[in-house]
Structures are given as C-alpha cells and as structure tokens.
C-alpha cells in the first residue's frame, strides 16, 4: 500500500492550499476551495495532482425533498459524475454510493471512524484522521495513481465527510438537547 498525508485545517480559506505528500514527504498535489455551479457554497473542494488535471467535488444544492440525502457532484475537465448518500445508512453513519466509469464505488465510515473506499466491493483505500495533530493519512492500493480520478475522489471525499459530521452533530444537537 502507498501512504499519503496532509495537514488538515479547521477552516479552509479560498486562497489557502493544502499540500498532499507521499511517504517520502514529496508533494504530489494540492487541495483548494473551489466552485461548481449548482453546488452549495463552502462545500466544493478541488484536488490538482502535479501530474494531472483539476478534479472538483461538491454537494449539490438541497431543498426540502432531498435535505437528508446529499448528492455529490464530481467534475473533471471531460465528465461529470454523481454520487449519493445511501438512504437509511446516511442517518446512522457516512455512506456514499455511486458509479464511476462503470465501477461501483462505496465510501463509508467504519467502526473506527476511518473512511473506507471500495470499488466493486474491493477496498482500495482507507482515510485515517488524527483529531489531535490534524494529520490525515490516506492508504491506497498500489494500483491507484496520484493523477487518477479515484485518487482525487478518495482525498476529496474526506472533506465531504467533514461536512457530513458537522451537519449530523448539528441535527443531533437539535433532536437530543
């Protein structure tokens, strides 16, 4: 497995960039705030690999009909993909499903609060966070390359998970306080 890390931030400003480093501490790309038309403000981030193109991901604007089930828009230079919270599961834990280039993708929180990324039911990556050091570690299968769409989606879904956690804590506070 390959290992990558980045230093997370509490609040990312538009001009800030988070560097993603490999196990040799070499930068492989950067994460920045971005915009996608039709997405919620402050919910869009992009990853640009040093040897690749910019890939963006954001949460589609919600209304009363889809308030509890988010749709995630992934934009590349050539294509747009859509992933969704898995209904039912997303009320209990983070679980996003969809299809990317004919492959079934599932991104879900496990019992250790790590994020697992699975393609066609095979785990290809794990995202681990350290709340004390703000270091985020990504472990990927050797077949996942830094310039690939799956690598970018893996990294960027961590930020969607953070939004999900903030929203679910807010809702939990309303319901149980």
N, C-alpha and C. Protein backbone atom coordinates (compact mmCIF):
# COMPACT_ATOMS: atom_id res chain seq x y z
N UNK A 1 0.83 -1.19 0.00
CA UNK A 1 0.00 0.00 0.00
C UNK A 1 0.88 1.25 0.00
N UNK A 2 0.35 2.29 -0.66
CA UNK A 2 1.03 3.58 -0.67
C UNK A 2 0.40 4.46 0.41
N UNK A 3 1.21 5.34 0.98
CA UNK A 3 0.73 6.21 2.05
C UNK A 3 0.92 7.67 1.67
N UNK A 4 -0.09 8.47 1.99
CA UNK A 4 -0.07 9.91 1.74
C UNK A 4 -0.56 10.61 2.99
N UNK A 5 -0.17 11.87 3.16
CA UNK A 5 -0.60 12.65 4.31
C UNK A 5 -0.83 14.09 3.92
N UNK A 6 -1.70 14.75 4.68
CA UNK A 6 -1.82 16.19 4.60
C UNK A 6 -2.23 16.72 5.95
N UNK A 7 -1.89 17.97 6.20
CA UNK A 7 -2.28 18.64 7.43
C UNK A 7 -3.62 19.30 7.20
N UNK A 8 -4.61 18.85 7.94
CA UNK A 8 -5.95 19.39 7.80
C UNK A 8 -6.02 20.76 8.47
N UNK A 9 -7.05 21.50 8.15
CA UNK A 9 -7.30 22.80 8.76
C UNK A 9 -8.74 22.83 9.25
N UNK A 10 -9.00 23.67 10.26
CA UNK A 10 -10.36 23.79 10.77
C UNK A 10 -11.23 24.49 9.73
N UNK A 11 -10.71 25.56 9.16
CA UNK A 11 -11.45 26.32 8.15
C UNK A 11 -10.51 26.64 7.00
N UNK A 12 -10.89 26.25 5.81
CA UNK A 12 -10.05 26.49 4.63
C UNK A 12 -10.54 27.74 3.91
N UNK A 13 -9.63 28.69 3.75
CA UNK A 13 -9.96 29.90 3.00
C UNK A 13 -9.68 29.66 1.52
N UNK A 14 -10.30 30.48 0.70
CA UNK A 14 -10.18 30.30 -0.74
C UNK A 14 -8.74 30.38 -1.25
N UNK A 15 -7.92 31.22 -0.61
CA UNK A 15 -6.55 31.37 -1.09
C UNK A 15 -5.59 30.32 -0.52
N UNK A 16 -6.03 29.55 0.45
CA UNK A 16 -5.17 28.52 1.05
C UNK A 16 -5.11 27.27 0.17
N UNK A 17 -3.99 26.57 0.25
CA UNK A 17 -3.85 25.28 -0.44
C UNK A 17 -3.24 24.30 0.55
N UNK A 18 -3.79 23.12 0.59
CA UNK A 18 -3.27 22.05 1.45
C UNK A 18 -2.46 21.12 0.56
N UNK A 19 -1.21 20.91 0.91
CA UNK A 19 -0.33 20.04 0.13
C UNK A 19 -0.50 18.58 0.57
N UNK A 20 -0.66 17.70 -0.40
CA UNK A 20 -0.71 16.26 -0.14
C UNK A 20 0.67 15.71 -0.43
N UNK A 21 1.22 14.98 0.55
CA UNK A 21 2.57 14.45 0.42
C UNK A 21 2.56 12.93 0.41
N UNK A 22 3.52 12.35 -0.30
CA UNK A 22 3.68 10.90 -0.29
C UNK A 22 4.53 10.52 0.92
N UNK A 23 4.86 9.24 1.05
CA UNK A 23 5.61 8.76 2.22
C UNK A 23 7.03 9.32 2.28
N UNK A 24 7.55 9.84 1.17
CA UNK A 24 8.88 10.46 1.15
C UNK A 24 8.81 11.97 1.42
N UNK A 25 7.61 12.45 1.83
CA UNK A 25 7.38 13.87 2.11
C UNK A 25 7.47 14.76 0.87
N UNK A 26 7.26 14.19 -0.30
CA UNK A 26 7.23 14.94 -1.55
C UNK A 26 5.78 15.30 -1.86
N UNK A 27 5.56 16.54 -2.25
CA UNK A 27 4.21 16.98 -2.60
C UNK A 27 3.77 16.30 -3.91
N UNK A 28 2.54 15.76 -3.89
CA UNK A 28 2.01 15.11 -5.10
C UNK A 28 0.84 15.92 -5.69
N UNK A 29 0.37 16.91 -4.93
CA UNK A 29 -0.74 17.72 -5.40
C UNK A 29 -1.26 18.61 -4.30
N UNK A 30 -2.28 19.40 -4.64
CA UNK A 30 -2.83 20.33 -3.65
C UNK A 30 -4.35 20.33 -3.66
N UNK A 31 -4.88 20.63 -2.47
CA UNK A 31 -6.32 20.72 -2.25
C UNK A 31 -6.66 22.19 -2.02
N UNK A 32 -7.71 22.67 -2.70
CA UNK A 32 -8.13 24.06 -2.56
C UNK A 32 -9.64 24.14 -2.53
N UNK A 33 -10.16 25.26 -2.01
CA UNK A 33 -11.58 25.55 -2.14
C UNK A 33 -11.86 25.82 -3.61
N UNK A 34 -13.07 25.54 -4.05
CA UNK A 34 -13.43 25.74 -5.45
C UNK A 34 -14.91 26.07 -5.55
N UNK A 35 -15.39 26.20 -6.76
CA UNK A 35 -16.81 26.46 -7.02
C UNK A 35 -17.28 25.53 -8.13
N UNK A 36 -18.51 25.05 -7.98
CA UNK A 36 -19.21 24.32 -9.04
C UNK A 36 -20.61 24.91 -9.09
N UNK A 37 -21.04 25.31 -10.25
CA UNK A 37 -22.38 25.84 -10.42
C UNK A 37 -23.41 24.81 -9.96
N UNK A 38 -24.36 25.24 -9.13
CA UNK A 38 -25.41 24.33 -8.65
C UNK A 38 -25.04 23.63 -7.35
N UNK A 39 -23.86 23.91 -6.81
CA UNK A 39 -23.44 23.30 -5.54
C UNK A 39 -23.53 24.31 -4.41
N UNK A 40 -23.68 23.80 -3.20
CA UNK A 40 -23.74 24.65 -2.01
C UNK A 40 -22.42 25.39 -1.85
N UNK A 41 -22.53 26.66 -1.48
CA UNK A 41 -21.31 27.43 -1.21
C UNK A 41 -20.60 26.80 -0.03
N UNK A 42 -19.30 26.88 0.00
CA UNK A 42 -18.43 26.34 1.04
C UNK A 42 -18.40 24.81 1.07
N UNK A 43 -18.98 24.14 0.08
CA UNK A 43 -18.96 22.68 0.08
C UNK A 43 -18.12 22.11 -1.06
N UNK A 44 -17.47 22.95 -1.82
CA UNK A 44 -16.73 22.49 -3.00
C UNK A 44 -15.24 22.59 -2.75
N UNK A 45 -14.53 21.50 -3.04
CA UNK A 45 -13.07 21.47 -2.94
C UNK A 45 -12.53 20.82 -4.21
N UNK A 46 -11.26 21.12 -4.50
CA UNK A 46 -10.63 20.54 -5.68
C UNK A 46 -9.29 19.93 -5.30
N UNK A 47 -8.88 18.96 -6.09
CA UNK A 47 -7.54 18.39 -5.96
C UNK A 47 -6.89 18.47 -7.33
N UNK A 48 -5.68 19.01 -7.34
CA UNK A 48 -4.90 19.07 -8.56
C UNK A 48 -3.60 18.33 -8.33
N UNK A 49 -3.43 17.20 -9.01
CA UNK A 49 -2.18 16.46 -8.92
C UNK A 49 -1.12 17.19 -9.74
N UNK A 50 0.14 17.10 -9.32
CA UNK A 50 1.22 17.76 -10.06
C UNK A 50 1.32 17.21 -11.48
N UNK A 51 0.92 15.96 -11.65
CA UNK A 51 0.97 15.34 -12.98
C UNK A 51 -0.44 14.97 -13.44
N UNK A 52 -1.38 15.90 -13.25
CA UNK A 52 -2.76 15.61 -13.63
C UNK A 52 -3.58 16.88 -13.71
N UNK A 53 -4.87 16.70 -13.94
CA UNK A 53 -5.78 17.85 -14.08
C UNK A 53 -6.55 18.07 -12.79
N UNK A 54 -7.25 19.20 -12.71
CA UNK A 54 -8.03 19.55 -11.54
C UNK A 54 -9.32 18.74 -11.51
N UNK A 55 -9.63 18.18 -10.34
CA UNK A 55 -10.88 17.45 -10.13
C UNK A 55 -11.57 18.11 -8.95
N UNK A 56 -12.86 18.42 -9.13
CA UNK A 56 -13.64 19.11 -8.11
C UNK A 56 -14.75 18.19 -7.61
N UNK A 57 -15.10 18.39 -6.34
CA UNK A 57 -16.24 17.68 -5.77
C UNK A 57 -17.00 18.64 -4.87
N UNK A 58 -18.33 18.55 -4.91
CA UNK A 58 -19.15 19.42 -4.08
C UNK A 58 -20.51 18.81 -3.83
N UNK A 59 -21.24 19.42 -2.92
CA UNK A 59 -22.58 18.95 -2.57
C UNK A 59 -23.59 19.78 -3.35
N UNK A 60 -24.44 19.08 -4.11
CA UNK A 60 -25.48 19.74 -4.89
C UNK A 60 -26.43 20.47 -3.94
N UNK A 61 -26.87 21.66 -4.36
CA UNK A 61 -27.81 22.43 -3.53
C UNK A 61 -29.01 21.56 -3.19
N UNK A 62 -29.40 21.60 -1.92
CA UNK A 62 -30.50 20.77 -1.45
C UNK A 62 -31.75 21.60 -1.23
N UNK A 63 -32.88 20.90 -1.29
CA UNK A 63 -34.16 21.52 -0.97
C UNK A 63 -34.86 20.63 0.05
N UNK A 64 -36.08 20.92 0.33
CA UNK A 64 -36.82 20.17 1.36
C UNK A 64 -36.97 18.68 0.99
N UNK A 65 -37.00 18.37 -0.31
CA UNK A 65 -37.20 16.99 -0.75
C UNK A 65 -35.95 16.13 -0.56
N UNK A 66 -34.79 16.74 -0.64
CA UNK A 66 -33.56 15.96 -0.53
C UNK A 66 -32.64 16.50 0.57
N UNK A 67 -33.23 17.01 1.63
CA UNK A 67 -32.47 17.62 2.72
C UNK A 67 -31.56 16.61 3.42
N UNK A 68 -32.03 15.38 3.61
CA UNK A 68 -31.27 14.38 4.36
C UNK A 68 -30.40 13.48 3.50
N UNK A 69 -30.56 13.53 2.18
CA UNK A 69 -29.76 12.68 1.30
C UNK A 69 -29.01 13.59 0.32
N UNK A 70 -27.72 13.75 0.57
CA UNK A 70 -26.90 14.64 -0.26
C UNK A 70 -26.52 13.97 -1.58
N UNK A 71 -26.42 14.78 -2.62
CA UNK A 71 -25.87 14.35 -3.90
C UNK A 71 -24.54 15.06 -4.09
N UNK A 72 -23.52 14.30 -4.42
CA UNK A 72 -22.17 14.83 -4.60
C UNK A 72 -21.86 14.90 -6.09
N UNK A 73 -21.42 16.06 -6.54
CA UNK A 73 -21.08 16.26 -7.94
C UNK A 73 -19.56 16.22 -8.06
N UNK A 74 -19.07 15.37 -8.96
CA UNK A 74 -17.64 15.28 -9.24
C UNK A 74 -17.44 15.79 -10.66
N UNK A 75 -16.61 16.83 -10.80
CA UNK A 75 -16.36 17.41 -12.12
C UNK A 75 -14.89 17.26 -12.49
N UNK A 76 -14.69 16.70 -13.67
CA UNK A 76 -13.37 16.67 -14.27
C UNK A 76 -13.44 17.59 -15.49
N UNK A 77 -12.35 17.73 -16.21
CA UNK A 77 -12.39 18.57 -17.42
C UNK A 77 -13.29 17.96 -18.48
N UNK A 78 -13.43 16.64 -18.49
CA UNK A 78 -14.20 15.96 -19.53
C UNK A 78 -15.60 15.51 -19.10
N UNK A 79 -15.77 15.11 -17.84
CA UNK A 79 -17.01 14.46 -17.41
C UNK A 79 -17.51 14.99 -16.08
N UNK A 80 -18.77 14.68 -15.81
CA UNK A 80 -19.39 14.96 -14.52
C UNK A 80 -19.98 13.65 -14.00
N UNK A 81 -19.74 13.37 -12.72
CA UNK A 81 -20.25 12.15 -12.08
C UNK A 81 -21.09 12.57 -10.88
N UNK A 82 -22.01 11.67 -10.50
CA UNK A 82 -22.87 11.94 -9.35
C UNK A 82 -22.80 10.75 -8.39
N UNK A 83 -22.58 11.05 -7.12
CA UNK A 83 -22.65 10.06 -6.05
C UNK A 83 -23.71 10.54 -5.08
N UNK A 84 -24.28 9.61 -4.29
CA UNK A 84 -25.34 9.99 -3.35
C UNK A 84 -25.11 9.32 -2.01
N UNK A 85 -25.62 10.00 -0.96
CA UNK A 85 -25.69 9.34 0.33
C UNK A 85 -26.60 8.13 0.17
N UNK A 86 -26.24 7.03 0.79
CA UNK A 86 -27.09 5.84 0.73
C UNK A 86 -28.24 6.05 1.71
N UNK A 87 -29.48 6.12 1.20
CA UNK A 87 -30.62 6.37 2.09
C UNK A 87 -30.68 5.34 3.22
N UNK A 88 -31.03 5.80 4.39
CA UNK A 88 -31.09 4.92 5.56
C UNK A 88 -29.75 4.86 6.26
N UNK A 89 -28.72 4.43 5.55
CA UNK A 89 -27.39 4.35 6.15
C UNK A 89 -26.90 5.73 6.57
N UNK A 90 -27.13 6.74 5.74
CA UNK A 90 -26.57 8.06 5.99
C UNK A 90 -27.14 8.70 7.26
N UNK A 91 -28.25 8.19 7.77
CA UNK A 91 -28.77 8.71 9.03
C UNK A 91 -27.95 8.18 10.21
N UNK A 92 -27.27 7.06 10.02
CA UNK A 92 -26.50 6.44 11.09
C UNK A 92 -25.01 6.67 10.96
N UNK A 93 -24.51 6.65 9.76
CA UNK A 93 -23.09 6.84 9.51
C UNK A 93 -22.89 7.29 8.07
N UNK A 94 -21.69 7.83 7.77
CA UNK A 94 -21.37 8.33 6.45
C UNK A 94 -21.29 7.17 5.46
N UNK A 95 -22.10 7.21 4.42
CA UNK A 95 -22.09 6.16 3.41
C UNK A 95 -22.55 6.76 2.08
N UNK A 96 -21.63 6.78 1.12
CA UNK A 96 -21.89 7.37 -0.19
C UNK A 96 -21.69 6.29 -1.24
N UNK A 97 -22.62 6.22 -2.20
CA UNK A 97 -22.54 5.21 -3.25
C UNK A 97 -22.74 5.86 -4.61
N UNK A 98 -22.29 5.15 -5.64
CA UNK A 98 -22.47 5.63 -6.99
C UNK A 98 -21.70 4.80 -7.98
N UNK A 99 -21.52 5.37 -9.17
CA UNK A 99 -20.86 4.67 -10.25
C UNK A 99 -19.90 5.63 -10.94
N UNK A 100 -18.65 5.20 -11.10
CA UNK A 100 -17.66 6.00 -11.82
C UNK A 100 -17.08 5.13 -12.92
N UNK A 101 -17.33 5.52 -14.14
CA UNK A 101 -16.83 4.81 -15.32
C UNK A 101 -17.13 3.30 -15.27
N UNK A 102 -18.37 2.98 -14.91
CA UNK A 102 -18.80 1.58 -14.90
C UNK A 102 -18.39 0.79 -13.67
N UNK A 103 -17.74 1.45 -12.72
CA UNK A 103 -17.32 0.76 -11.49
C UNK A 103 -18.18 1.26 -10.34
N UNK A 104 -18.69 0.33 -9.54
CA UNK A 104 -19.49 0.68 -8.37
C UNK A 104 -18.55 1.18 -7.28
N UNK A 105 -18.83 2.37 -6.76
CA UNK A 105 -17.99 2.93 -5.70
C UNK A 105 -18.83 3.07 -4.43
N UNK A 106 -18.20 2.79 -3.31
CA UNK A 106 -18.84 2.93 -2.00
C UNK A 106 -17.80 3.53 -1.05
N UNK A 107 -18.17 4.62 -0.43
CA UNK A 107 -17.29 5.31 0.51
C UNK A 107 -18.04 5.36 1.82
N UNK A 108 -17.49 4.71 2.86
CA UNK A 108 -18.24 4.65 4.11
C UNK A 108 -17.33 4.69 5.33
N UNK A 109 -17.93 5.17 6.40
CA UNK A 109 -17.27 5.25 7.69
C UNK A 109 -17.31 3.87 8.34
N UNK A 110 -16.19 3.44 8.93
CA UNK A 110 -16.20 2.16 9.65
C UNK A 110 -16.31 2.41 11.15
N UNK A 111 -16.25 1.34 11.94
CA UNK A 111 -16.43 1.44 13.39
C UNK A 111 -15.33 2.26 14.06
N UNK A 112 -14.17 2.39 13.42
CA UNK A 112 -13.06 3.18 13.98
C UNK A 112 -13.10 4.64 13.53
N UNK A 113 -14.17 5.03 12.84
CA UNK A 113 -14.33 6.36 12.26
C UNK A 113 -13.31 6.64 11.15
N UNK A 114 -12.76 5.58 10.56
CA UNK A 114 -11.94 5.71 9.36
C UNK A 114 -12.90 5.67 8.17
N UNK A 115 -12.46 6.18 7.04
CA UNK A 115 -13.26 6.15 5.82
C UNK A 115 -12.66 5.08 4.91
N UNK A 116 -13.50 4.17 4.44
CA UNK A 116 -13.07 3.12 3.52
C UNK A 116 -13.65 3.40 2.14
N UNK A 117 -12.81 3.25 1.13
CA UNK A 117 -13.23 3.43 -0.25
C UNK A 117 -13.17 2.08 -0.93
N UNK A 118 -14.31 1.66 -1.50
CA UNK A 118 -14.39 0.36 -2.16
C UNK A 118 -14.85 0.53 -3.60
N UNK A 119 -14.19 -0.20 -4.49
CA UNK A 119 -14.58 -0.25 -5.89
C UNK A 119 -15.00 -1.69 -6.17
N UNK A 120 -16.24 -1.86 -6.67
CA UNK A 120 -16.78 -3.20 -6.95
C UNK A 120 -16.54 -4.14 -5.77
N UNK A 121 -16.84 -3.64 -4.56
CA UNK A 121 -16.77 -4.40 -3.29
C UNK A 121 -15.35 -4.72 -2.83
N UNK A 122 -14.33 -4.16 -3.46
CA UNK A 122 -12.94 -4.39 -3.06
C UNK A 122 -12.39 -3.08 -2.51
N UNK A 123 -11.87 -3.14 -1.28
CA UNK A 123 -11.34 -1.94 -0.65
C UNK A 123 -10.05 -1.51 -1.34
N UNK A 124 -10.03 -0.23 -1.76
CA UNK A 124 -8.84 0.30 -2.44
C UNK A 124 -8.13 1.37 -1.63
N UNK A 125 -8.82 1.91 -0.61
CA UNK A 125 -8.20 2.98 0.17
C UNK A 125 -8.85 3.11 1.54
N UNK A 126 -8.06 3.67 2.47
CA UNK A 126 -8.54 3.98 3.82
C UNK A 126 -8.05 5.37 4.18
N UNK A 127 -8.93 6.16 4.76
CA UNK A 127 -8.57 7.50 5.22
C UNK A 127 -8.63 7.49 6.74
N UNK A 128 -7.53 7.86 7.37
CA UNK A 128 -7.45 7.90 8.83
C UNK A 128 -7.15 9.33 9.26
N UNK A 129 -7.85 9.78 10.30
CA UNK A 129 -7.62 11.13 10.79
C UNK A 129 -7.12 11.09 12.23
N UNK A 130 -6.35 12.09 12.58
CA UNK A 130 -5.88 12.25 13.95
C UNK A 130 -6.38 13.61 14.43
N UNK A 131 -7.37 13.58 15.32
CA UNK A 131 -8.00 14.81 15.78
C UNK A 131 -7.05 15.71 16.57
N UNK A 132 -6.00 15.16 17.13
CA UNK A 132 -5.08 15.95 17.95
C UNK A 132 -4.01 16.65 17.12
N UNK A 133 -3.48 15.97 16.10
CA UNK A 133 -2.42 16.56 15.28
C UNK A 133 -2.95 17.18 13.99
N UNK A 134 -4.22 16.93 13.68
CA UNK A 134 -4.84 17.38 12.43
C UNK A 134 -4.14 16.78 11.20
N UNK A 135 -3.47 15.66 11.37
CA UNK A 135 -2.86 14.96 10.23
C UNK A 135 -3.88 13.95 9.70
N UNK A 136 -4.03 13.94 8.41
CA UNK A 136 -4.90 12.97 7.75
C UNK A 136 -4.00 12.08 6.91
N UNK A 137 -4.18 10.76 7.08
CA UNK A 137 -3.38 9.78 6.37
C UNK A 137 -4.28 9.00 5.42
N UNK A 138 -3.82 8.84 4.19
CA UNK A 138 -4.55 8.06 3.19
C UNK A 138 -3.68 6.89 2.78
N UNK A 139 -4.23 5.70 2.89
CA UNK A 139 -3.55 4.49 2.43
C UNK A 139 -4.28 4.01 1.19
N UNK A 140 -3.55 3.83 0.09
CA UNK A 140 -4.18 3.37 -1.15
C UNK A 140 -3.48 2.13 -1.67
N UNK A 141 -4.23 1.36 -2.42
CA UNK A 141 -3.64 0.22 -3.10
C UNK A 141 -2.59 0.73 -4.10
N UNK A 142 -1.60 -0.07 -4.37
CA UNK A 142 -0.53 0.33 -5.28
C UNK A 142 -1.03 0.65 -6.69
N UNK A 143 -2.19 0.09 -7.06
CA UNK A 143 -2.71 0.30 -8.41
C UNK A 143 -3.40 1.66 -8.59
N UNK A 144 -3.55 2.43 -7.51
CA UNK A 144 -4.20 3.74 -7.59
C UNK A 144 -3.11 4.81 -7.75
N UNK A 145 -3.15 5.53 -8.85
CA UNK A 145 -2.12 6.51 -9.15
C UNK A 145 -2.57 7.91 -8.75
N UNK A 146 -1.61 8.76 -8.40
CA UNK A 146 -1.88 10.10 -7.90
C UNK A 146 -2.62 10.98 -8.90
N UNK A 147 -2.47 10.71 -10.17
CA UNK A 147 -3.14 11.52 -11.19
C UNK A 147 -4.51 10.96 -11.56
N UNK A 148 -4.93 9.88 -10.90
CA UNK A 148 -6.20 9.23 -11.27
C UNK A 148 -7.40 9.88 -10.60
N UNK A 149 -8.55 9.69 -11.22
CA UNK A 149 -9.81 10.19 -10.68
C UNK A 149 -10.09 9.55 -9.32
N UNK A 150 -9.84 8.26 -9.17
CA UNK A 150 -10.13 7.58 -7.90
C UNK A 150 -9.28 8.13 -6.76
N UNK A 151 -8.05 8.48 -7.03
CA UNK A 151 -7.19 9.08 -6.00
C UNK A 151 -7.78 10.41 -5.56
N UNK A 152 -8.14 11.26 -6.51
CA UNK A 152 -8.72 12.57 -6.18
C UNK A 152 -10.03 12.42 -5.42
N UNK A 153 -10.89 11.51 -5.87
CA UNK A 153 -12.17 11.30 -5.18
C UNK A 153 -11.93 10.84 -3.75
N UNK A 154 -10.97 9.94 -3.56
CA UNK A 154 -10.66 9.45 -2.21
C UNK A 154 -10.27 10.61 -1.31
N UNK A 155 -9.35 11.44 -1.77
CA UNK A 155 -8.90 12.57 -0.96
C UNK A 155 -10.02 13.56 -0.71
N UNK A 156 -10.77 13.91 -1.73
CA UNK A 156 -11.79 14.94 -1.60
C UNK A 156 -13.01 14.48 -0.80
N UNK A 157 -13.30 13.20 -0.81
CA UNK A 157 -14.45 12.72 -0.03
C UNK A 157 -14.22 12.89 1.46
N UNK A 158 -12.97 12.99 1.88
CA UNK A 158 -12.69 13.28 3.29
C UNK A 158 -13.34 14.60 3.68
N UNK A 159 -13.29 15.59 2.80
CA UNK A 159 -13.86 16.90 3.10
C UNK A 159 -15.39 16.84 3.10
N UNK A 160 -15.97 15.97 2.28
CA UNK A 160 -17.42 15.77 2.31
C UNK A 160 -17.82 15.08 3.62
N UNK A 161 -16.96 14.18 4.09
CA UNK A 161 -17.18 13.51 5.38
C UNK A 161 -17.18 14.54 6.51
N UNK A 162 -16.26 15.50 6.47
CA UNK A 162 -16.21 16.53 7.50
C UNK A 162 -17.50 17.35 7.51
N UNK A 163 -18.01 17.69 6.33
CA UNK A 163 -19.27 18.42 6.25
C UNK A 163 -20.40 17.58 6.82
N UNK A 164 -20.43 16.30 6.45
CA UNK A 164 -21.45 15.38 6.96
C UNK A 164 -21.41 15.34 8.50
N UNK A 165 -20.19 15.21 9.07
CA UNK A 165 -20.06 15.12 10.53
C UNK A 165 -20.57 16.40 11.20
N UNK A 166 -20.23 17.55 10.64
CA UNK A 166 -20.70 18.81 11.22
C UNK A 166 -22.22 18.91 11.16
N UNK A 167 -22.80 18.53 10.04
CA UNK A 167 -24.26 18.59 9.88
C UNK A 167 -24.95 17.59 10.80
N UNK A 168 -24.41 16.38 10.90
CA UNK A 168 -25.06 15.37 11.74
C UNK A 168 -24.95 15.73 13.22
N UNK A 169 -23.84 16.36 13.64
CA UNK A 169 -23.73 16.82 15.03
C UNK A 169 -24.73 17.94 15.31
N UNK A 170 -24.93 18.81 14.34
CA UNK A 170 -25.90 19.89 14.48
C UNK A 170 -27.31 19.32 14.63
N UNK A 171 -27.68 18.39 13.77
CA UNK A 171 -29.01 17.77 13.82
C UNK A 171 -29.19 16.99 15.12
N UNK A 172 -28.16 16.25 15.51
CA UNK A 172 -28.21 15.50 16.76
C UNK A 172 -28.43 16.45 17.95
N UNK A 173 -27.77 17.60 17.92
CA UNK A 173 -27.94 18.59 18.98
C UNK A 173 -29.37 19.11 19.06
N UNK A 174 -29.97 19.33 17.90
CA UNK A 174 -31.36 19.80 17.88
C UNK A 174 -32.31 18.73 18.42
N UNK A 175 -32.09 17.49 18.00
CA UNK A 175 -33.01 16.41 18.37
C UNK A 175 -32.88 15.95 19.82
N UNK A 176 -31.65 15.96 20.34
CA UNK A 176 -31.44 15.32 21.64
C UNK A 176 -31.06 16.27 22.76
N UNK A 177 -30.99 17.57 22.50
CA UNK A 177 -30.68 18.52 23.59
C UNK A 177 -31.93 19.12 24.14
